């Protein structure tokens, strides 16, 4: 699959088969995140890769609409430094690493879905995150229950029209 096909077919997958991911697939996903670009090549991220079912269920309780995490084969928790003058860039860079990981998963038939942690202090305790780091973003990964539907391009109406988004030269 080429990158454009992955972009065209990427969608949020929230239901996964009860099947562990192949170790080579996990490595590919994590390496994609590690290799993503970052502001000034700062590479501010750390990834906590979680596969334990009990811990996945606990992570799912840390944010609204995160039930998909409990059924995932893998959850990647993205951790960045605590609040400082580069916080906005750290979160932007974390988003880029998330996108790279998700596209790498899409290429090899693995579905994914983003989740937001609303209880970062509980996440810190649960995952042993050091005091000088924070997390707000997780990604669930797994083989989709409906792999045929997961690989189909988005249908019309799934995204705003290009003319509604792009402004040439000025707004």
Protein backbone atom coordinates (compact mmCIF):
# COMPACT_ATOMS: atom_id res chain seq x y z
CA UNK A 1 0.00 0.00 0.00
CA UNK A 2 1.37 3.42 -0.84
CA UNK A 3 1.05 6.41 1.48
CA UNK A 4 -1.84 8.01 -0.42
CA UNK A 5 -3.84 4.79 -0.25
CA UNK A 6 -3.20 4.61 3.50
CA UNK A 7 -4.35 8.22 3.91
CA UNK A 8 -7.45 7.57 1.79
CA UNK A 9 -8.42 4.44 3.71
CA UNK A 10 -7.46 5.46 7.28
CA UNK A 11 -10.43 5.62 9.59
CA UNK A 12 -11.00 5.25 13.32
CA UNK A 13 -11.33 1.55 14.15
CA UNK A 14 -12.88 0.90 17.56
CA UNK A 15 -13.55 -2.85 17.44
CA UNK A 16 -10.67 -5.28 17.31
CA UNK A 17 -10.34 -9.05 17.04
CA UNK A 18 -9.23 -10.80 20.21
CA UNK A 19 -5.82 -11.55 18.72
CA UNK A 20 -2.36 -10.33 19.72
CA UNK A 21 -0.37 -8.28 17.22
CA UNK A 22 2.67 -9.85 15.65
CA UNK A 23 5.88 -8.58 17.31
CA UNK A 24 7.20 -7.38 13.93
CA UNK A 25 4.01 -5.32 13.48
CA UNK A 26 4.42 -3.73 16.91
CA UNK A 27 8.04 -2.88 16.12
CA UNK A 28 7.00 -1.31 12.82
CA UNK A 29 4.34 0.85 14.48
CA UNK A 30 6.64 2.03 17.28
CA UNK A 31 9.50 2.71 14.90
CA UNK A 32 7.20 4.76 12.68
CA UNK A 33 6.43 7.00 15.67
CA UNK A 34 10.08 7.20 16.62
CA UNK A 35 11.03 8.21 13.07
CA UNK A 36 8.46 10.99 12.73
CA UNK A 37 9.62 14.55 12.35
CA UNK A 38 9.68 16.97 15.25
CA UNK A 39 10.29 20.65 15.82
CA UNK A 40 14.03 21.32 15.81
CA UNK A 41 14.53 17.52 15.83
CA UNK A 42 13.70 17.60 19.54
CA UNK A 43 12.02 14.17 19.52
CA UNK A 44 10.24 14.97 22.80
CA UNK A 45 8.16 11.80 22.97
CA UNK A 46 8.32 8.58 24.90
CA UNK A 47 5.95 5.72 24.16
CA UNK A 48 4.48 3.34 26.72
CA UNK A 49 3.38 0.20 24.88
CA UNK A 50 0.64 -1.57 26.83
CA UNK A 51 -0.69 -5.05 26.03
CA UNK A 52 -1.85 -6.29 29.44
CA UNK A 53 -5.67 -6.65 29.35
CA UNK A 54 -6.22 -5.43 32.91
CA UNK A 55 -4.09 -2.34 32.35
CA UNK A 56 -5.81 -1.65 29.00
CA UNK A 57 -9.16 -1.70 30.82
CA UNK A 58 -7.81 0.77 33.39
CA UNK A 59 -6.51 3.11 30.69
CA UNK A 60 -9.92 2.99 29.00
CA UNK A 61 -11.42 4.50 32.17
CA UNK A 62 -9.16 7.58 32.02
CA UNK A 63 -11.12 9.37 29.29
CA UNK A 64 -14.56 9.60 27.74
CA UNK A 65 -15.27 7.37 24.75
CA UNK A 66 -12.16 5.24 25.22
CA UNK A 67 -13.82 1.82 25.36
CA UNK A 68 -11.84 0.87 22.26
CA UNK A 69 -8.68 0.80 24.39
CA UNK A 70 -10.02 -2.04 26.55
CA UNK A 71 -10.46 -4.25 23.47
CA UNK A 72 -7.20 -3.34 21.78
CA UNK A 73 -4.24 -5.64 21.30
CA UNK A 74 -1.90 -2.69 21.93
CA UNK A 75 -2.27 0.78 23.35
CA UNK A 76 0.49 3.30 22.81
CA UNK A 77 0.51 6.05 25.41
CA UNK A 78 2.42 9.08 24.13
CA UNK A 79 4.31 10.91 26.86
CA UNK A 80 5.95 14.34 26.50
CA UNK A 81 7.72 16.71 28.92
CA UNK A 82 5.56 18.61 31.41
CA UNK A 83 4.35 22.15 30.82
CA UNK A 84 7.08 24.48 29.58
CA UNK A 85 7.71 27.04 26.82
CA UNK A 86 7.70 24.24 24.18
CA UNK A 87 4.52 22.48 25.31
CA UNK A 88 2.53 23.39 22.20
CA UNK A 89 5.32 22.07 19.98
CA UNK A 90 5.62 18.92 22.08
CA UNK A 91 1.94 18.17 21.56
CA UNK A 92 2.20 19.00 17.86
CA UNK A 93 5.16 16.62 17.58
CA UNK A 94 3.27 13.96 19.54
CA UNK A 95 0.41 14.30 17.05
CA UNK A 96 2.81 13.77 14.17
CA UNK A 97 4.23 10.64 15.79
CA UNK A 98 0.67 9.40 16.32
CA UNK A 99 -0.16 9.95 12.65
CA UNK A 100 2.98 8.10 11.53
CA UNK A 101 2.13 5.15 13.81
CA UNK A 102 -1.45 5.03 12.60
CA UNK A 103 -0.46 5.13 8.93
CA UNK A 104 2.14 2.40 9.50
CA UNK A 105 -0.60 0.29 11.10
CA UNK A 106 -3.01 0.98 8.25
CA UNK A 107 -0.40 -0.18 5.72
CA UNK A 108 -0.15 -3.61 7.39
CA UNK A 109 -3.85 -4.11 8.09
CA UNK A 110 -3.94 -2.90 11.69
CA UNK A 111 -6.73 -0.57 12.77
CA UNK A 112 -6.30 2.23 15.27
CA UNK A 113 -8.15 4.93 17.14
CA UNK A 114 -7.01 7.98 19.09
CA UNK A 115 -8.09 8.57 22.65
CA UNK A 116 -7.73 11.49 25.05
CA UNK A 117 -6.77 11.07 28.68
CA UNK A 118 -8.88 13.33 30.89
CA UNK A 119 -7.33 12.11 34.14
CA UNK A 120 -3.57 12.60 33.64
CA UNK A 121 -2.76 12.26 37.35
CA UNK A 122 -4.34 8.80 37.46
CA UNK A 123 -2.47 7.90 34.25
CA UNK A 124 0.79 9.00 35.89
CA UNK A 125 0.25 6.62 38.81
CA UNK A 126 -1.06 3.73 36.70
CA UNK A 127 1.79 3.91 34.19
CA UNK A 128 4.63 5.13 36.42
CA UNK A 129 5.13 8.32 34.42
CA UNK A 130 7.87 10.51 35.93
CA UNK A 131 6.87 13.89 37.42
CA UNK A 132 8.62 15.83 34.65
CA UNK A 133 6.46 14.19 31.93
CA UNK A 134 2.76 14.24 31.03
CA UNK A 135 0.32 12.37 28.83
CA UNK A 136 -2.98 13.21 27.18
CA UNK A 137 -2.89 11.05 24.05
CA UNK A 138 -3.25 7.30 23.50
CA UNK A 139 -3.71 5.17 20.40
CA UNK A 140 -5.40 1.78 20.43
CA UNK A 141 -4.26 -0.75 17.84
CA UNK A 142 -5.57 -4.13 16.75
CA UNK A 143 -6.69 -6.24 13.84
CA UNK A 144 -10.13 -4.89 12.87
CA UNK A 145 -13.20 -7.06 13.49
CA UNK A 146 -14.42 -6.07 10.00
CA UNK A 147 -11.22 -5.85 7.96
CA UNK A 148 -13.08 -5.43 4.64
CA UNK A 149 -14.91 -2.31 5.83
CA UNK A 150 -11.76 -0.97 7.48
CA UNK A 151 -9.83 -0.92 4.22
CA UNK A 152 -12.47 0.81 2.09
CA UNK A 153 -11.97 4.48 1.16
CA UNK A 154 -14.05 6.99 3.09
CA UNK A 155 -17.46 7.57 1.56
CA UNK A 156 -18.59 10.93 0.22
CA UNK A 157 -19.47 13.27 3.05
CA UNK A 158 -16.83 11.81 5.34
CA UNK A 159 -14.68 14.91 5.07
CA UNK A 160 -15.31 18.55 4.27
CA UNK A 161 -14.89 19.55 0.64
CA UNK A 162 -11.47 20.86 -0.38
CA UNK A 163 -12.97 24.23 -1.35
CA UNK A 164 -14.34 24.59 2.19
CA UNK A 165 -10.88 24.05 3.70
CA UNK A 166 -8.31 25.60 1.37
CA UNK A 167 -8.00 29.38 0.94
CA UNK A 168 -5.59 30.59 -1.74
CA UNK A 169 -3.30 33.52 -0.97
CA UNK A 170 -5.68 35.04 1.65
CA UNK A 171 -8.73 33.89 3.58
